[in-house]
């Protein structure tokens, strides 16, 4: 079956499956280091409230998804060649699960840890998710064009 003949459901399943091949342990470490650094900077300012955790949580989540997604796009040692070919042919679709995950988790972090309401937290999370989608999509597109 050609890629164009696949249903939306099949494309969605392949996008989620391709998102799992990233270096997520490394991404967790990078996200933790970035979040801890941002928290240290927040602690120096002396504003000791629960909302001081919202910014570092957002930075940690962004770098977690960035390293995991870009690493998945650039990874060459994947075990499933068909999945790698699909992700290479659809770089923007394969970037969507990470951007969606960042949108949801960052919205929850901003809503629960800051003074923002749910709607404001959602709108505040749109920019990092769009930036992540753009970076990962461009990396995948450049990889595809250089290979072709």
N, C-alpha and C. Protein backbone atom coordinates (compact mmCIF):
# COMPACT_ATOMS: atom_id res chain seq x y z
N UNK A 1 0.84 -1.17 0.00
CA UNK A 1 0.00 0.00 0.00
C UNK A 1 0.89 1.24 0.00
N UNK A 2 0.65 2.16 -0.87
CA UNK A 2 1.44 3.38 -0.96
C UNK A 2 1.12 4.31 0.21
N UNK A 3 2.04 5.22 0.48
CA UNK A 3 1.83 6.14 1.60
C UNK A 3 0.61 7.02 1.40
N UNK A 4 0.31 7.35 0.14
CA UNK A 4 -0.82 8.23 -0.14
C UNK A 4 -2.15 7.51 0.07
N UNK A 5 -2.14 6.19 0.06
CA UNK A 5 -3.36 5.43 0.21
C UNK A 5 -3.67 5.09 1.67
N UNK A 6 -2.85 5.55 2.57
CA UNK A 6 -3.04 5.24 3.98
C UNK A 6 -4.12 6.14 4.57
N UNK A 7 -4.86 5.59 5.52
CA UNK A 7 -5.90 6.37 6.18
C UNK A 7 -5.27 7.33 7.19
N UNK A 8 -6.07 8.25 7.65
CA UNK A 8 -5.58 9.19 8.68
C UNK A 8 -5.16 8.45 9.93
N UNK A 9 -5.93 7.45 10.27
CA UNK A 9 -5.62 6.67 11.48
C UNK A 9 -4.27 5.98 11.35
N UNK A 10 -4.00 5.39 10.19
CA UNK A 10 -2.72 4.72 9.97
C UNK A 10 -1.57 5.72 9.98
N UNK A 11 -1.76 6.89 9.38
CA UNK A 11 -0.74 7.92 9.41
C UNK A 11 -0.47 8.38 10.84
N UNK A 12 -1.52 8.53 11.62
CA UNK A 12 -1.38 8.95 13.03
C UNK A 12 -0.62 7.91 13.83
N UNK A 13 -0.93 6.64 13.60
CA UNK A 13 -0.23 5.57 14.31
C UNK A 13 1.24 5.53 13.93
N UNK A 14 1.54 5.73 12.66
CA UNK A 14 2.94 5.76 12.23
C UNK A 14 3.68 6.97 12.80
N UNK A 15 3.00 8.10 12.91
CA UNK A 15 3.64 9.29 13.49
C UNK A 15 3.99 9.06 14.95
N UNK A 16 3.08 8.46 15.70
CA UNK A 16 3.36 8.16 17.11
C UNK A 16 4.47 7.12 17.23
N UNK A 17 4.43 6.12 16.38
CA UNK A 17 5.47 5.09 16.42
C UNK A 17 6.83 5.67 16.06
N UNK A 18 6.88 6.58 15.10
CA UNK A 18 8.17 7.16 14.73
C UNK A 18 8.70 8.07 15.82
N UNK A 19 7.81 8.63 16.64
CA UNK A 19 8.26 9.48 17.74
C UNK A 19 8.92 8.68 18.85
N UNK A 20 8.68 7.40 18.89
CA UNK A 20 9.25 6.58 19.97
C UNK A 20 10.70 6.18 19.73
N UNK A 21 11.24 6.43 18.54
CA UNK A 21 12.61 5.97 18.25
C UNK A 21 13.68 6.97 18.67
N UNK A 22 13.28 8.08 19.24
CA UNK A 22 14.25 9.09 19.66
C UNK A 22 15.05 8.65 20.87
N UNK A 23 16.13 9.37 21.16
CA UNK A 23 16.96 9.07 22.35
C UNK A 23 16.32 9.69 23.60
N UNK A 24 15.28 9.06 24.11
CA UNK A 24 14.48 9.68 25.17
C UNK A 24 15.19 9.69 26.52
N UNK A 25 16.09 8.77 26.79
CA UNK A 25 16.86 8.83 28.05
C UNK A 25 17.77 10.04 28.05
N UNK A 26 18.45 10.26 26.96
CA UNK A 26 19.31 11.45 26.83
C UNK A 26 18.46 12.71 26.91
N UNK A 27 17.31 12.68 26.27
CA UNK A 27 16.42 13.83 26.29
C UNK A 27 15.95 14.13 27.71
N UNK A 28 15.67 13.10 28.49
CA UNK A 28 15.26 13.31 29.88
C UNK A 28 16.38 13.96 30.69
N UNK A 29 17.61 13.53 30.45
CA UNK A 29 18.75 14.12 31.13
C UNK A 29 18.94 15.58 30.76
N UNK A 30 18.85 15.88 29.48
CA UNK A 30 19.00 17.27 29.02
C UNK A 30 17.87 18.13 29.58
N UNK A 31 16.65 17.63 29.53
CA UNK A 31 15.52 18.38 30.07
C UNK A 31 15.66 18.64 31.56
N UNK A 32 16.15 17.64 32.29
CA UNK A 32 16.34 17.82 33.73
C UNK A 32 17.43 18.85 34.02
N UNK A 33 18.52 18.82 33.27
CA UNK A 33 19.61 19.79 33.48
C UNK A 33 19.13 21.20 33.15
N UNK A 34 18.43 21.36 32.04
CA UNK A 34 17.93 22.69 31.66
C UNK A 34 16.91 23.18 32.69
N UNK A 35 16.00 22.31 33.10
CA UNK A 35 15.00 22.70 34.11
C UNK A 35 15.64 23.06 35.44
N UNK A 36 16.64 22.29 35.86
CA UNK A 36 17.32 22.59 37.13
C UNK A 36 18.11 23.89 37.04
N UNK A 37 18.71 24.14 35.89
CA UNK A 37 19.44 25.41 35.71
C UNK A 37 18.47 26.59 35.76
N UNK A 38 17.35 26.46 35.08
CA UNK A 38 16.35 27.54 35.09
C UNK A 38 15.80 27.73 36.50
N UNK A 39 15.62 26.64 37.24
CA UNK A 39 15.15 26.76 38.62
C UNK A 39 16.19 27.44 39.50
N UNK A 40 17.45 27.14 39.28
CA UNK A 40 18.52 27.81 40.02
C UNK A 40 18.52 29.32 39.76
N UNK A 41 18.31 29.68 38.51
CA UNK A 41 18.25 31.11 38.17
C UNK A 41 17.03 31.76 38.83
N UNK A 42 15.91 31.06 38.82
CA UNK A 42 14.70 31.57 39.49
C UNK A 42 14.92 31.71 41.00
N UNK A 43 15.65 30.77 41.59
CA UNK A 43 15.89 30.81 43.04
C UNK A 43 16.76 31.99 43.42
N UNK A 44 17.68 32.38 42.54
CA UNK A 44 18.55 33.52 42.82
C UNK A 44 17.75 34.81 42.91
N UNK A 45 16.67 34.89 42.13
CA UNK A 45 15.86 36.11 42.15
C UNK A 45 15.15 36.31 43.48
N UNK A 46 14.95 35.26 44.23
CA UNK A 46 14.36 35.38 45.55
C UNK A 46 12.84 35.39 45.58
N UNK A 47 12.20 35.16 44.47
CA UNK A 47 10.74 35.11 44.43
C UNK A 47 10.29 33.68 44.74
N UNK A 48 10.17 33.37 46.02
CA UNK A 48 9.93 32.00 46.46
C UNK A 48 8.44 31.70 46.55
N UNK A 49 7.83 31.37 45.42
CA UNK A 49 6.44 30.94 45.38
C UNK A 49 6.34 29.70 44.51
N UNK A 50 5.17 29.10 44.52
CA UNK A 50 4.98 27.91 43.69
C UNK A 50 5.10 28.25 42.20
N UNK A 51 4.75 29.47 41.84
CA UNK A 51 4.80 29.84 40.42
C UNK A 51 6.22 29.93 39.88
N UNK A 52 7.22 29.91 40.76
CA UNK A 52 8.60 29.93 40.27
C UNK A 52 8.97 28.61 39.59
N UNK A 53 8.14 27.59 39.76
CA UNK A 53 8.40 26.29 39.12
C UNK A 53 7.87 26.21 37.69
N UNK A 54 6.95 27.11 37.33
CA UNK A 54 6.30 27.02 36.02
C UNK A 54 7.28 27.25 34.87
N UNK A 55 8.09 28.27 34.95
CA UNK A 55 9.05 28.56 33.88
C UNK A 55 10.07 27.45 33.70
N UNK A 56 10.75 27.02 34.78
CA UNK A 56 11.70 25.92 34.62
C UNK A 56 11.06 24.63 34.11
N UNK A 57 9.83 24.36 34.52
CA UNK A 57 9.14 23.16 34.01
C UNK A 57 8.93 23.28 32.51
N UNK A 58 8.54 24.46 32.04
CA UNK A 58 8.35 24.68 30.61
C UNK A 58 9.64 24.53 29.82
N UNK A 59 10.74 25.09 30.35
CA UNK A 59 12.04 24.96 29.68
C UNK A 59 12.48 23.51 29.64
N UNK A 60 12.32 22.79 30.75
CA UNK A 60 12.71 21.38 30.80
C UNK A 60 11.91 20.54 29.82
N UNK A 61 10.60 20.77 29.76
CA UNK A 61 9.76 20.03 28.82
C UNK A 61 10.13 20.33 27.38
N UNK A 62 10.39 21.61 27.07
CA UNK A 62 10.76 21.98 25.71
C UNK A 62 12.02 21.27 25.27
N UNK A 63 13.05 21.30 26.11
CA UNK A 63 14.31 20.67 25.71
C UNK A 63 14.21 19.15 25.71
N UNK A 64 13.37 18.59 26.57
CA UNK A 64 13.14 17.15 26.54
C UNK A 64 12.58 16.73 25.18
N UNK A 65 11.52 17.40 24.75
CA UNK A 65 10.91 17.06 23.47
C UNK A 65 11.80 17.43 22.29
N UNK A 66 12.56 18.51 22.41
CA UNK A 66 13.45 18.92 21.32
C UNK A 66 14.54 17.88 21.08
N UNK A 67 15.23 17.49 22.12
CA UNK A 67 16.32 16.52 21.97
C UNK A 67 15.78 15.16 21.53
N UNK A 68 14.67 14.72 22.12
CA UNK A 68 14.10 13.44 21.74
C UNK A 68 13.62 13.40 20.30
N UNK A 69 12.97 14.47 19.85
CA UNK A 69 12.42 14.50 18.50
C UNK A 69 13.50 14.68 17.44
N UNK A 70 14.38 15.64 17.66
CA UNK A 70 15.45 15.86 16.68
C UNK A 70 16.37 14.64 16.64
N UNK A 71 16.64 14.07 17.78
CA UNK A 71 17.45 12.85 17.81
C UNK A 71 16.79 11.71 17.07
N UNK A 72 15.47 11.61 17.18
CA UNK A 72 14.74 10.58 16.43
C UNK A 72 14.79 10.83 14.93
N UNK A 73 14.76 12.10 14.53
CA UNK A 73 14.85 12.42 13.11
C UNK A 73 16.23 12.08 12.55
N UNK A 74 17.26 12.29 13.34
CA UNK A 74 18.63 12.10 12.86
C UNK A 74 19.18 10.70 13.10
N UNK A 75 18.47 9.91 13.85
CA UNK A 75 18.94 8.56 14.20
C UNK A 75 19.05 7.69 12.98
N UNK A 76 20.14 6.96 12.89
CA UNK A 76 20.36 6.07 11.74
C UNK A 76 20.27 4.60 12.11
N UNK A 77 20.36 4.28 13.37
CA UNK A 77 20.43 2.88 13.79
C UNK A 77 19.07 2.33 14.20
N UNK A 78 18.02 2.74 13.53
CA UNK A 78 16.69 2.26 13.86
C UNK A 78 16.51 0.80 13.41
N UNK A 79 15.73 0.06 14.13
CA UNK A 79 15.52 -1.35 13.81
C UNK A 79 14.42 -1.54 12.76
N UNK A 80 13.49 -0.62 12.67
CA UNK A 80 12.40 -0.74 11.72
C UNK A 80 12.64 0.20 10.54
N UNK A 81 13.12 -0.35 9.46
CA UNK A 81 13.46 0.46 8.28
C UNK A 81 12.22 1.10 7.64
N UNK A 82 11.09 0.38 7.66
CA UNK A 82 9.87 0.94 7.07
C UNK A 82 9.42 2.18 7.84
N UNK A 83 9.51 2.12 9.15
CA UNK A 83 9.14 3.26 9.97
C UNK A 83 10.08 4.43 9.72
N UNK A 84 11.36 4.16 9.58
CA UNK A 84 12.34 5.21 9.29
C UNK A 84 12.07 5.84 7.93
N UNK A 85 11.70 5.03 6.95
CA UNK A 85 11.39 5.56 5.62
C UNK A 85 10.14 6.43 5.66
N UNK A 86 9.13 6.00 6.44
CA UNK A 86 7.91 6.80 6.55
C UNK A 86 8.23 8.14 7.21
N UNK A 87 8.99 8.12 8.30
CA UNK A 87 9.33 9.37 9.00
C UNK A 87 10.16 10.28 8.11
N UNK A 88 11.02 9.70 7.30
CA UNK A 88 11.83 10.50 6.38
C UNK A 88 10.97 11.12 5.29
N UNK A 89 9.96 10.41 4.84
CA UNK A 89 9.08 10.92 3.80
C UNK A 89 8.06 11.92 4.34
N UNK A 90 7.78 11.86 5.63
CA UNK A 90 6.78 12.74 6.25
C UNK A 90 7.37 13.43 7.48
N UNK A 91 8.33 14.34 7.31
CA UNK A 91 8.98 14.94 8.47
C UNK A 91 8.05 15.79 9.33
N UNK A 92 7.09 16.44 8.71
CA UNK A 92 6.18 17.30 9.49
C UNK A 92 5.16 16.47 10.25
N UNK A 93 4.67 15.40 9.65
CA UNK A 93 3.73 14.53 10.35
C UNK A 93 4.41 13.81 11.51
N UNK A 94 5.68 13.45 11.34
CA UNK A 94 6.37 12.76 12.42
C UNK A 94 6.75 13.71 13.55
N UNK A 95 6.70 15.02 13.30
CA UNK A 95 6.99 16.01 14.36
C UNK A 95 5.75 16.34 15.18
N UNK A 96 4.58 16.01 14.69
CA UNK A 96 3.34 16.38 15.38
C UNK A 96 3.16 15.76 16.77
N UNK A 97 3.46 14.48 16.99
CA UNK A 97 3.25 13.93 18.34
C UNK A 97 4.07 14.64 19.41
N UNK A 98 5.31 15.00 19.11
CA UNK A 98 6.14 15.69 20.09
C UNK A 98 5.58 17.09 20.37
N UNK A 99 5.18 17.79 19.32
CA UNK A 99 4.61 19.13 19.51
C UNK A 99 3.30 19.06 20.29
N UNK A 100 2.49 18.06 19.99
CA UNK A 100 1.24 17.88 20.74
C UNK A 100 1.49 17.52 22.20
N UNK A 101 2.48 16.66 22.43
CA UNK A 101 2.82 16.30 23.81
C UNK A 101 3.33 17.50 24.58
N UNK A 102 4.16 18.31 23.94
CA UNK A 102 4.66 19.52 24.61
C UNK A 102 3.51 20.47 24.89
N UNK A 103 2.61 20.63 23.95
CA UNK A 103 1.47 21.53 24.15
C UNK A 103 0.64 21.11 25.36
N UNK A 104 0.32 19.84 25.44
CA UNK A 104 -0.51 19.35 26.54
C UNK A 104 0.22 19.43 27.88
N UNK A 105 1.45 18.92 27.94
CA UNK A 105 2.18 18.89 29.22
C UNK A 105 2.57 20.29 29.70
N UNK A 106 2.95 21.16 28.77
CA UNK A 106 3.30 22.52 29.16
C UNK A 106 2.06 23.29 29.61
N UNK A 107 0.93 23.06 28.95
CA UNK A 107 -0.32 23.69 29.39
C UNK A 107 -0.65 23.27 30.81
N UNK A 108 -0.54 21.98 31.10
CA UNK A 108 -0.83 21.50 32.45
C UNK A 108 0.16 22.07 33.48
N UNK A 109 1.44 22.13 33.12
CA UNK A 109 2.45 22.66 34.03
C UNK A 109 2.18 24.13 34.32
N UNK A 110 1.90 24.91 33.28
CA UNK A 110 1.65 26.34 33.48
C UNK A 110 0.37 26.57 34.27
N UNK A 111 -0.64 25.76 34.01
CA UNK A 111 -1.91 25.91 34.71
C UNK A 111 -1.80 25.53 36.18
N UNK A 112 -1.11 24.42 36.46
CA UNK A 112 -1.02 23.93 37.83
C UNK A 112 0.03 24.66 38.67
N UNK A 113 1.09 25.13 38.04
CA UNK A 113 2.19 25.70 38.80
C UNK A 113 2.21 27.24 38.82
N UNK A 114 1.45 27.87 37.97
CA UNK A 114 1.47 29.33 37.96
C UNK A 114 0.08 29.87 38.29
N UNK A 115 -0.03 31.17 38.21
CA UNK A 115 -1.31 31.82 38.50
C UNK A 115 -2.21 31.90 37.28
N UNK A 116 -1.75 31.35 36.16
CA UNK A 116 -2.50 31.42 34.90
C UNK A 116 -3.70 30.48 34.94
N UNK A 117 -4.76 30.92 34.29
CA UNK A 117 -5.91 30.05 34.11
C UNK A 117 -5.63 29.05 32.99
N UNK A 118 -6.54 28.11 32.80
CA UNK A 118 -6.35 27.06 31.81
C UNK A 118 -6.24 27.63 30.39
N UNK A 119 -7.09 28.56 30.05
CA UNK A 119 -7.07 29.13 28.69
C UNK A 119 -5.77 29.90 28.46
N UNK A 120 -5.36 30.71 29.42
CA UNK A 120 -4.12 31.46 29.26
C UNK A 120 -2.92 30.51 29.20
N UNK A 121 -2.93 29.47 30.00
CA UNK A 121 -1.84 28.49 29.98
C UNK A 121 -1.77 27.81 28.62
N UNK A 122 -2.93 27.53 28.03
CA UNK A 122 -2.95 26.92 26.69
C UNK A 122 -2.33 27.86 25.67
N UNK A 123 -2.75 29.12 25.67
CA UNK A 123 -2.21 30.07 24.70
C UNK A 123 -0.73 30.34 24.94
N UNK A 124 -0.30 30.29 26.18
CA UNK A 124 1.10 30.46 26.51
C UNK A 124 1.94 29.28 26.01
N UNK A 125 1.33 28.13 25.89
CA UNK A 125 2.04 26.93 25.44
C UNK A 125 2.04 26.75 23.93
N UNK A 126 1.26 27.53 23.23
CA UNK A 126 1.20 27.40 21.77
C UNK A 126 2.53 27.77 21.11
N UNK A 127 3.18 28.82 21.57
CA UNK A 127 4.42 29.26 20.94
C UNK A 127 5.53 28.22 21.07
N UNK A 128 5.81 27.68 22.27
CA UNK A 128 6.85 26.65 22.33
C UNK A 128 6.52 25.41 21.50
N UNK A 129 5.24 25.03 21.45
CA UNK A 129 4.86 23.86 20.66
C UNK A 129 5.04 24.13 19.17
N UNK A 130 4.68 25.33 18.72
CA UNK A 130 4.87 25.68 17.32
C UNK A 130 6.35 25.77 16.98
N UNK A 131 7.14 26.31 17.88
CA UNK A 131 8.59 26.39 17.65
C UNK A 131 9.19 24.99 17.55
N UNK A 132 8.78 24.10 18.43
CA UNK A 132 9.26 22.71 18.38
C UNK A 132 8.86 22.05 17.07
N UNK A 133 7.61 22.23 16.67
CA UNK A 133 7.14 21.65 15.41
C UNK A 133 7.97 22.17 14.24
N UNK A 134 8.25 23.47 14.24
CA UNK A 134 9.05 24.05 13.17
C UNK A 134 10.46 23.52 13.13
N UNK A 135 11.11 23.46 14.28
CA UNK A 135 12.50 22.99 14.32
C UNK A 135 12.60 21.53 13.88
N UNK A 136 11.76 20.69 14.44
CA UNK A 136 11.81 19.26 14.11
C UNK A 136 11.42 19.03 12.65
N UNK A 137 10.41 19.74 12.16
CA UNK A 137 10.02 19.60 10.77
C UNK A 137 11.10 20.05 9.80
N UNK A 138 11.75 21.15 10.13
CA UNK A 138 12.83 21.64 9.26
C UNK A 138 14.02 20.68 9.29
N UNK A 139 14.37 20.17 10.46
CA UNK A 139 15.47 19.19 10.54
C UNK A 139 15.15 17.97 9.69
N UNK A 140 13.93 17.45 9.79
CA UNK A 140 13.55 16.30 8.97
C UNK A 140 13.53 16.61 7.49
N UNK A 141 13.07 17.80 7.12
CA UNK A 141 13.05 18.19 5.70
C UNK A 141 14.45 18.35 5.14
N UNK A 142 15.33 18.95 5.92
CA UNK A 142 16.71 19.12 5.46
C UNK A 142 17.39 17.76 5.33
N UNK A 143 17.15 16.88 6.28
CA UNK A 143 17.73 15.53 6.20
C UNK A 143 17.26 14.82 4.94
N UNK A 144 15.97 14.95 4.65
CA UNK A 144 15.42 14.30 3.47
C UNK A 144 16.00 14.88 2.19
N UNK A 145 16.13 16.21 2.14
CA UNK A 145 16.65 16.84 0.92
C UNK A 145 18.14 16.56 0.70
N UNK A 146 18.89 16.42 1.76
CA UNK A 146 20.31 16.12 1.62
C UNK A 146 20.54 14.67 1.20
N UNK A 147 19.60 13.81 1.59
CA UNK A 147 19.75 12.40 1.25
C UNK A 147 19.35 12.12 -0.19
N UNK A 148 18.33 12.88 -0.66
CA UNK A 148 17.77 12.64 -1.98
C UNK A 148 18.67 13.01 -3.09
